[in-house]
Amino acid sequence: MQYPIPSHRIGQRGKEKVWYVSEFAQRFRLDKVEENRLRKLLGPIATEIDLLRNAAR
């Protein structure tokens, strides 16, 4: 299920990149257990730096 990106996050230049946790997990080949852990920890949408810092490979 996809969630819309909040309107205050759209078009911000020079800010952190915002990812859907599901897309991040797919892109970085994380398993479903890790994807679910990140989703519980950070919610459905998170910044790239938060995802990278909290992802365990």
N, C-alpha and C. Protein backbone atom coordinates (compact mmCIF):
# COMPACT_ATOMS: atom_id res chain seq x y z
N MET A 1 0.84 -1.17 0.00
CA MET A 1 0.00 0.00 0.00
C MET A 1 0.89 1.24 0.00
N GLN A 2 0.59 2.16 -0.85
CA GLN A 2 1.36 3.39 -0.93
C GLN A 2 0.65 4.52 -0.19
N TYR A 3 1.42 5.36 0.42
CA TYR A 3 0.89 6.51 1.14
C TYR A 3 1.37 7.78 0.46
N PRO A 4 0.54 8.80 0.40
CA PRO A 4 0.97 10.03 -0.26
C PRO A 4 2.04 10.74 0.56
N ILE A 5 2.95 11.39 -0.13
CA ILE A 5 3.97 12.19 0.54
C ILE A 5 3.29 13.47 1.03
N PRO A 6 3.53 13.85 2.29
CA PRO A 6 2.89 15.07 2.81
C PRO A 6 3.25 16.28 1.95
N SER A 7 2.30 17.18 1.78
CA SER A 7 2.50 18.32 0.89
C SER A 7 3.63 19.23 1.34
N HIS A 8 3.92 19.28 2.64
CA HIS A 8 5.01 20.15 3.09
C HIS A 8 6.38 19.57 2.76
N ARG A 9 6.46 18.31 2.32
CA ARG A 9 7.72 17.68 1.94
C ARG A 9 8.02 17.82 0.45
N ILE A 10 7.03 18.16 -0.35
CA ILE A 10 7.19 18.21 -1.80
C ILE A 10 7.87 19.52 -2.20
N GLY A 11 8.86 19.40 -3.05
CA GLY A 11 9.50 20.58 -3.62
C GLY A 11 10.50 21.26 -2.72
N GLN A 12 10.94 20.62 -1.66
CA GLN A 12 11.94 21.24 -0.79
C GLN A 12 13.32 20.93 -1.35
N ARG A 13 13.98 21.92 -1.84
CA ARG A 13 15.33 21.73 -2.38
C ARG A 13 16.35 21.78 -1.26
N GLY A 14 17.38 20.96 -1.39
CA GLY A 14 18.44 20.95 -0.41
C GLY A 14 18.08 20.24 0.88
N LYS A 15 16.93 19.62 0.92
CA LYS A 15 16.49 18.90 2.11
C LYS A 15 16.74 17.42 1.90
N GLU A 16 16.53 16.64 2.97
CA GLU A 16 16.74 15.21 2.88
C GLU A 16 15.75 14.58 1.91
N LYS A 17 16.18 13.49 1.30
CA LYS A 17 15.30 12.75 0.42
C LYS A 17 14.34 11.93 1.28
N VAL A 18 13.09 11.91 0.89
CA VAL A 18 12.06 11.17 1.63
C VAL A 18 11.71 9.92 0.84
N TRP A 19 11.67 8.78 1.52
CA TRP A 19 11.39 7.48 0.90
C TRP A 19 10.17 6.86 1.54
N TYR A 20 9.45 6.07 0.74
CA TYR A 20 8.51 5.11 1.30
C TYR A 20 9.36 3.96 1.81
N VAL A 21 9.07 3.46 2.97
CA VAL A 21 9.87 2.37 3.54
C VAL A 21 9.84 1.15 2.63
N SER A 22 8.70 0.86 2.03
CA SER A 22 8.60 -0.30 1.14
C SER A 22 9.50 -0.15 -0.09
N GLU A 23 9.57 1.05 -0.66
CA GLU A 23 10.43 1.27 -1.82
C GLU A 23 11.90 1.21 -1.44
N PHE A 24 12.24 1.74 -0.26
CA PHE A 24 13.61 1.69 0.23
C PHE A 24 14.05 0.24 0.42
N ALA A 25 13.20 -0.55 1.04
CA ALA A 25 13.51 -1.96 1.29
C ALA A 25 13.69 -2.72 -0.02
N GLN A 26 12.87 -2.42 -0.98
CA GLN A 26 12.98 -3.08 -2.28
C GLN A 26 14.26 -2.66 -2.99
N ARG A 27 14.56 -1.39 -2.96
CA ARG A 27 15.76 -0.87 -3.64
C ARG A 27 17.04 -1.42 -3.04
N PHE A 28 17.07 -1.54 -1.70
CA PHE A 28 18.28 -2.01 -1.02
C PHE A 28 18.22 -3.50 -0.66
N ARG A 29 17.24 -4.20 -1.24
CA ARG A 29 17.10 -5.66 -1.11
C ARG A 29 17.05 -6.12 0.34
N LEU A 30 16.22 -5.43 1.12
CA LEU A 30 16.01 -5.85 2.51
C LEU A 30 14.87 -6.85 2.54
N ASP A 31 14.92 -7.79 3.47
CA ASP A 31 13.85 -8.78 3.56
C ASP A 31 12.62 -8.18 4.24
N LYS A 32 11.53 -8.93 4.21
CA LYS A 32 10.25 -8.43 4.75
C LYS A 32 10.32 -8.18 6.26
N VAL A 33 11.10 -9.00 6.97
CA VAL A 33 11.23 -8.81 8.42
C VAL A 33 11.87 -7.46 8.71
N GLU A 34 12.94 -7.14 7.98
CA GLU A 34 13.62 -5.85 8.18
C GLU A 34 12.73 -4.69 7.73
N GLU A 35 12.01 -4.87 6.63
CA GLU A 35 11.09 -3.83 6.17
C GLU A 35 10.02 -3.53 7.23
N ASN A 36 9.46 -4.58 7.81
CA ASN A 36 8.44 -4.40 8.85
C ASN A 36 9.02 -3.74 10.09
N ARG A 37 10.25 -4.09 10.45
CA ARG A 37 10.89 -3.46 11.61
C ARG A 37 11.09 -1.97 11.38
N LEU A 38 11.55 -1.60 10.19
CA LEU A 38 11.74 -0.19 9.87
C LEU A 38 10.41 0.56 9.85
N ARG A 39 9.37 -0.09 9.33
CA ARG A 39 8.06 0.55 9.27
C ARG A 39 7.52 0.80 10.68
N LYS A 40 7.71 -0.16 11.58
CA LYS A 40 7.26 0.02 12.97
C LYS A 40 8.05 1.12 13.67
N LEU A 41 9.34 1.18 13.37
CA LEU A 41 10.21 2.16 14.00
C LEU A 41 10.00 3.58 13.48
N LEU A 42 9.88 3.72 12.15
CA LEU A 42 9.88 5.04 11.52
C LEU A 42 8.55 5.45 10.88
N GLY A 43 7.64 4.51 10.70
CA GLY A 43 6.39 4.81 10.01
C GLY A 43 6.52 4.49 8.53
N PRO A 44 5.47 4.76 7.75
CA PRO A 44 5.48 4.39 6.33
C PRO A 44 6.40 5.25 5.46
N ILE A 45 6.71 6.46 5.92
CA ILE A 45 7.56 7.38 5.16
C ILE A 45 8.66 7.86 6.09
N ALA A 46 9.90 7.88 5.59
CA ALA A 46 11.02 8.33 6.42
C ALA A 46 12.09 8.96 5.54
N THR A 47 12.96 9.73 6.16
CA THR A 47 14.06 10.33 5.41
C THR A 47 15.11 9.28 5.12
N GLU A 48 15.85 9.52 4.07
CA GLU A 48 16.87 8.57 3.64
C GLU A 48 17.90 8.32 4.73
N ILE A 49 18.34 9.36 5.39
CA ILE A 49 19.36 9.22 6.42
C ILE A 49 18.86 8.38 7.59
N ASP A 50 17.60 8.55 7.98
CA ASP A 50 17.04 7.74 9.06
C ASP A 50 16.97 6.27 8.68
N LEU A 51 16.58 6.02 7.44
CA LEU A 51 16.50 4.65 6.97
C LEU A 51 17.89 4.00 6.90
N LEU A 52 18.85 4.73 6.40
CA LEU A 52 20.21 4.19 6.30
C LEU A 52 20.81 3.93 7.68
N ARG A 53 20.54 4.80 8.61
CA ARG A 53 21.10 4.63 9.97
C ARG A 53 20.45 3.47 10.71
N ASN A 54 19.21 3.16 10.41
CA ASN A 54 18.49 2.14 11.16
C ASN A 54 18.38 0.80 10.45
N ALA A 55 18.79 0.71 9.21
CA ALA A 55 18.70 -0.54 8.46
C ALA A 55 19.84 -1.47 8.87
N ALA A 56 19.50 -2.69 9.18
CA ALA A 56 20.51 -3.71 9.47
C ALA A 56 20.59 -4.65 8.28
N ARG A 57 21.78 -4.86 7.79
CA ARG A 57 21.94 -5.75 6.64
C ARG A 57 22.55 -7.04 7.03
